[in-house]
Amino acid sequence: MNQFIATQNSLMFENDIIGMAWSDRVSFEEIKKKTGVSEKEVIKIMRKSLKKKSYLLWRKRVRGRITKHRKLFKSKFLT
């Protein structure tokens, strides 16, 4: 029974991360702050959890997107 609960919690945690990663408004820095999961780990979770085409579309969308990278966002609007 405990293994079932642990598995359910793990799946909910991964689903939360996937939802935040798909969101345009949530940066990788915010994901790290809320969950402790780094950008590289988010990418691994997305690669493992999504279909190949969905993963490629997501990577294309977030690569270089200033709202997903807080440092790029700040430098773009503060200069």
N, C-alpha and C. Protein backbone atom coordinates (compact mmCIF):
# COMPACT_ATOMS: atom_id res chain seq x y z
N MET A 1 0.82 -1.19 0.00
CA MET A 1 0.00 0.00 0.00
C MET A 1 0.86 1.26 0.00
N ASN A 2 1.92 1.31 0.81
CA ASN A 2 2.79 2.48 0.85
C ASN A 2 3.47 2.72 -0.48
N GLN A 3 3.83 1.64 -1.18
CA GLN A 3 4.46 1.78 -2.49
C GLN A 3 3.49 2.43 -3.48
N PHE A 4 2.20 2.06 -3.39
CA PHE A 4 1.18 2.64 -4.25
C PHE A 4 1.06 4.14 -4.00
N ILE A 5 1.05 4.54 -2.73
CA ILE A 5 0.95 5.96 -2.38
C ILE A 5 2.18 6.70 -2.86
N ALA A 6 3.36 6.13 -2.68
CA ALA A 6 4.59 6.76 -3.14
C ALA A 6 4.57 6.93 -4.66
N THR A 7 4.07 5.92 -5.38
CA THR A 7 3.99 6.01 -6.83
C THR A 7 3.01 7.10 -7.25
N GLN A 8 1.86 7.17 -6.58
CA GLN A 8 0.86 8.19 -6.88
C GLN A 8 1.43 9.59 -6.64
N ASN A 9 2.12 9.78 -5.52
CA ASN A 9 2.73 11.08 -5.21
C ASN A 9 3.78 11.45 -6.25
N SER A 10 4.57 10.48 -6.67
CA SER A 10 5.59 10.71 -7.68
C SER A 10 4.97 11.14 -9.00
N LEU A 11 3.88 10.46 -9.39
CA LEU A 11 3.20 10.82 -10.64
C LEU A 11 2.59 12.21 -10.56
N MET A 12 1.99 12.56 -9.42
CA MET A 12 1.42 13.90 -9.25
C MET A 12 2.52 14.94 -9.31
N PHE A 13 3.66 14.65 -8.70
CA PHE A 13 4.80 15.57 -8.71
C PHE A 13 5.29 15.79 -10.14
N GLU A 14 5.45 14.71 -10.90
CA GLU A 14 5.87 14.81 -12.29
C GLU A 14 4.85 15.57 -13.12
N ASN A 15 3.57 15.32 -12.89
CA ASN A 15 2.53 16.04 -13.62
C ASN A 15 2.57 17.53 -13.33
N ASP A 16 2.85 17.90 -12.08
CA ASP A 16 2.98 19.31 -11.72
C ASP A 16 4.15 19.95 -12.46
N ILE A 17 5.27 19.24 -12.50
CA ILE A 17 6.45 19.76 -13.19
C ILE A 17 6.17 19.91 -14.69
N ILE A 18 5.52 18.92 -15.28
CA ILE A 18 5.19 18.98 -16.71
C ILE A 18 4.27 20.17 -16.99
N GLY A 19 3.29 20.37 -16.14
CA GLY A 19 2.38 21.50 -16.30
C GLY A 19 3.10 22.83 -16.22
N MET A 20 4.01 22.96 -15.26
CA MET A 20 4.78 24.21 -15.13
C MET A 20 5.71 24.39 -16.32
N ALA A 21 6.31 23.30 -16.79
CA ALA A 21 7.23 23.39 -17.92
C ALA A 21 6.51 23.82 -19.20
N TRP A 22 5.27 23.36 -19.40
CA TRP A 22 4.49 23.75 -20.58
C TRP A 22 4.03 25.19 -20.49
N SER A 23 3.87 25.71 -19.28
CA SER A 23 3.37 27.07 -19.10
C SER A 23 4.39 28.10 -19.56
N ASP A 24 3.94 29.06 -20.31
CA ASP A 24 4.84 30.12 -20.78
C ASP A 24 5.21 31.09 -19.67
N ARG A 25 4.40 31.19 -18.66
CA ARG A 25 4.60 32.18 -17.60
C ARG A 25 5.51 31.71 -16.46
N VAL A 26 5.81 30.42 -16.41
CA VAL A 26 6.62 29.88 -15.31
C VAL A 26 8.04 29.63 -15.82
N SER A 27 8.99 30.33 -15.23
CA SER A 27 10.38 30.17 -15.66
C SER A 27 11.01 28.94 -15.02
N PHE A 28 12.13 28.51 -15.59
CA PHE A 28 12.84 27.37 -15.01
C PHE A 28 13.33 27.70 -13.60
N GLU A 29 13.66 28.95 -13.36
CA GLU A 29 14.10 29.36 -12.02
C GLU A 29 12.97 29.20 -11.01
N GLU A 30 11.73 29.53 -11.42
CA GLU A 30 10.59 29.37 -10.53
C GLU A 30 10.31 27.89 -10.27
N ILE A 31 10.44 27.06 -11.28
CA ILE A 31 10.26 25.61 -11.10
C ILE A 31 11.28 25.10 -10.09
N LYS A 32 12.53 25.55 -10.23
CA LYS A 32 13.59 25.13 -9.30
C LYS A 32 13.26 25.57 -7.87
N LYS A 33 12.77 26.81 -7.73
CA LYS A 33 12.45 27.34 -6.41
C LYS A 33 11.29 26.57 -5.77
N LYS A 34 10.26 26.23 -6.55
CA LYS A 34 9.08 25.57 -6.01
C LYS A 34 9.27 24.07 -5.78
N THR A 35 10.06 23.43 -6.64
CA THR A 35 10.16 21.97 -6.57
C THR A 35 11.55 21.46 -6.26
N GLY A 36 12.57 22.29 -6.46
CA GLY A 36 13.95 21.84 -6.27
C GLY A 36 14.50 21.10 -7.48
N VAL A 37 13.78 21.12 -8.61
CA VAL A 37 14.19 20.40 -9.81
C VAL A 37 14.85 21.39 -10.77
N SER A 38 16.07 21.08 -11.20
CA SER A 38 16.81 21.98 -12.08
C SER A 38 16.29 21.91 -13.51
N GLU A 39 16.74 22.85 -14.34
CA GLU A 39 16.34 22.88 -15.75
C GLU A 39 16.70 21.58 -16.46
N LYS A 40 17.91 21.07 -16.21
CA LYS A 40 18.32 19.81 -16.84
C LYS A 40 17.42 18.66 -16.42
N GLU A 41 17.04 18.63 -15.15
CA GLU A 41 16.16 17.57 -14.67
C GLU A 41 14.76 17.70 -15.28
N VAL A 42 14.28 18.94 -15.44
CA VAL A 42 12.98 19.16 -16.09
C VAL A 42 13.02 18.63 -17.51
N ILE A 43 14.10 18.90 -18.21
CA ILE A 43 14.26 18.43 -19.59
C ILE A 43 14.22 16.90 -19.62
N LYS A 44 14.91 16.26 -18.66
CA LYS A 44 14.90 14.79 -18.60
C LYS A 44 13.50 14.25 -18.35
N ILE A 45 12.77 14.88 -17.43
CA ILE A 45 11.40 14.45 -17.13
C ILE A 45 10.52 14.61 -18.37
N MET A 46 10.66 15.73 -19.05
CA MET A 46 9.85 15.98 -20.25
C MET A 46 10.19 14.95 -21.34
N ARG A 47 11.46 14.67 -21.52
CA ARG A 47 11.88 13.70 -22.54
C ARG A 47 11.32 12.31 -22.24
N LYS A 48 11.33 11.95 -20.95
CA LYS A 48 10.86 10.63 -20.53
C LYS A 48 9.32 10.52 -20.61
N SER A 49 8.62 11.61 -20.29
CA SER A 49 7.18 11.54 -20.12
C SER A 49 6.37 11.84 -21.38
N LEU A 50 6.93 12.64 -22.28
CA LEU A 50 6.18 13.04 -23.47
C LEU A 50 6.48 12.14 -24.65
N LYS A 51 5.56 12.14 -25.60
CA LYS A 51 5.84 11.48 -26.87
C LYS A 51 6.95 12.26 -27.56
N LYS A 52 7.68 11.62 -28.45
CA LYS A 52 8.83 12.25 -29.10
C LYS A 52 8.44 13.55 -29.78
N LYS A 53 7.38 13.55 -30.54
CA LYS A 53 6.95 14.76 -31.27
C LYS A 53 6.57 15.88 -30.30
N SER A 54 5.87 15.53 -29.23
CA SER A 54 5.48 16.53 -28.23
C SER A 54 6.72 17.12 -27.56
N TYR A 55 7.67 16.25 -27.24
CA TYR A 55 8.91 16.73 -26.62
C TYR A 55 9.65 17.69 -27.55
N LEU A 56 9.76 17.33 -28.83
CA LEU A 56 10.46 18.19 -29.79
C LEU A 56 9.75 19.53 -29.96
N LEU A 57 8.43 19.53 -29.98
CA LEU A 57 7.67 20.78 -30.07
C LEU A 57 7.91 21.65 -28.83
N TRP A 58 7.91 21.01 -27.66
CA TRP A 58 8.15 21.75 -26.42
C TRP A 58 9.55 22.36 -26.41
N ARG A 59 10.56 21.56 -26.78
CA ARG A 59 11.95 22.07 -26.80
C ARG A 59 12.08 23.24 -27.76
N LYS A 60 11.46 23.12 -28.92
CA LYS A 60 11.51 24.21 -29.90
C LYS A 60 10.87 25.48 -29.32
N ARG A 61 9.78 25.29 -28.58
CA ARG A 61 9.06 26.42 -28.01
C ARG A 61 9.84 27.11 -26.90
N VAL A 62 10.48 26.35 -26.03
CA VAL A 62 11.13 26.96 -24.86
C VAL A 62 12.57 27.38 -25.11
N ARG A 63 13.18 26.87 -26.16
CA ARG A 63 14.58 27.20 -26.42
C ARG A 63 14.70 28.70 -26.72
N GLY A 64 15.37 29.40 -25.84
CA GLY A 64 15.60 30.83 -26.04
C GLY A 64 14.42 31.72 -25.68
N ARG A 65 13.33 31.16 -25.19
CA ARG A 65 12.16 31.96 -24.81
C ARG A 65 12.51 32.75 -23.55
N ILE A 66 12.37 34.06 -23.63
CA ILE A 66 12.84 34.88 -22.51
C ILE A 66 12.02 34.69 -21.25
N THR A 67 10.75 34.31 -21.37
CA THR A 67 9.95 34.12 -20.16
C THR A 67 10.29 32.82 -19.44
N LYS A 68 10.94 31.87 -20.12
CA LYS A 68 11.33 30.62 -19.48
C LYS A 68 12.69 30.74 -18.79
N HIS A 69 13.42 31.77 -19.12
CA HIS A 69 14.75 31.98 -18.54
C HIS A 69 14.76 33.37 -17.91
N ARG A 70 14.63 33.42 -16.60
CA ARG A 70 14.49 34.67 -15.87
C ARG A 70 15.65 35.64 -16.16
N LYS A 71 16.87 35.12 -16.31
CA LYS A 71 18.01 35.99 -16.58
C LYS A 71 17.85 36.71 -17.92
N LEU A 72 17.41 36.00 -18.94
CA LEU A 72 17.17 36.62 -20.25
C LEU A 72 16.05 37.65 -20.16
N PHE A 73 15.01 37.32 -19.39
CA PHE A 73 13.86 38.21 -19.24
C PHE A 73 14.28 39.52 -18.58
N LYS A 74 15.07 39.43 -17.51
CA LYS A 74 15.51 40.63 -16.80
C LYS A 74 16.43 41.47 -17.67
N SER A 75 17.38 40.84 -18.35
CA SER A 75 18.32 41.61 -19.15
C SER A 75 17.63 42.27 -20.34
N LYS A 76 16.61 41.65 -20.89
CA LYS A 76 15.90 42.18 -22.04
C LYS A 76 15.14 43.45 -21.67
N PHE A 77 14.53 43.48 -20.48
CA PHE A 77 13.68 44.59 -20.11
C PHE A 77 14.33 45.61 -19.19
N LEU A 78 15.47 45.29 -18.65
CA LEU A 78 16.15 46.24 -17.77
C LEU A 78 17.22 47.05 -18.50
N THR A 79 17.53 46.67 -19.72
CA THR A 79 18.55 47.43 -20.47
C THR A 79 17.91 48.38 -21.43
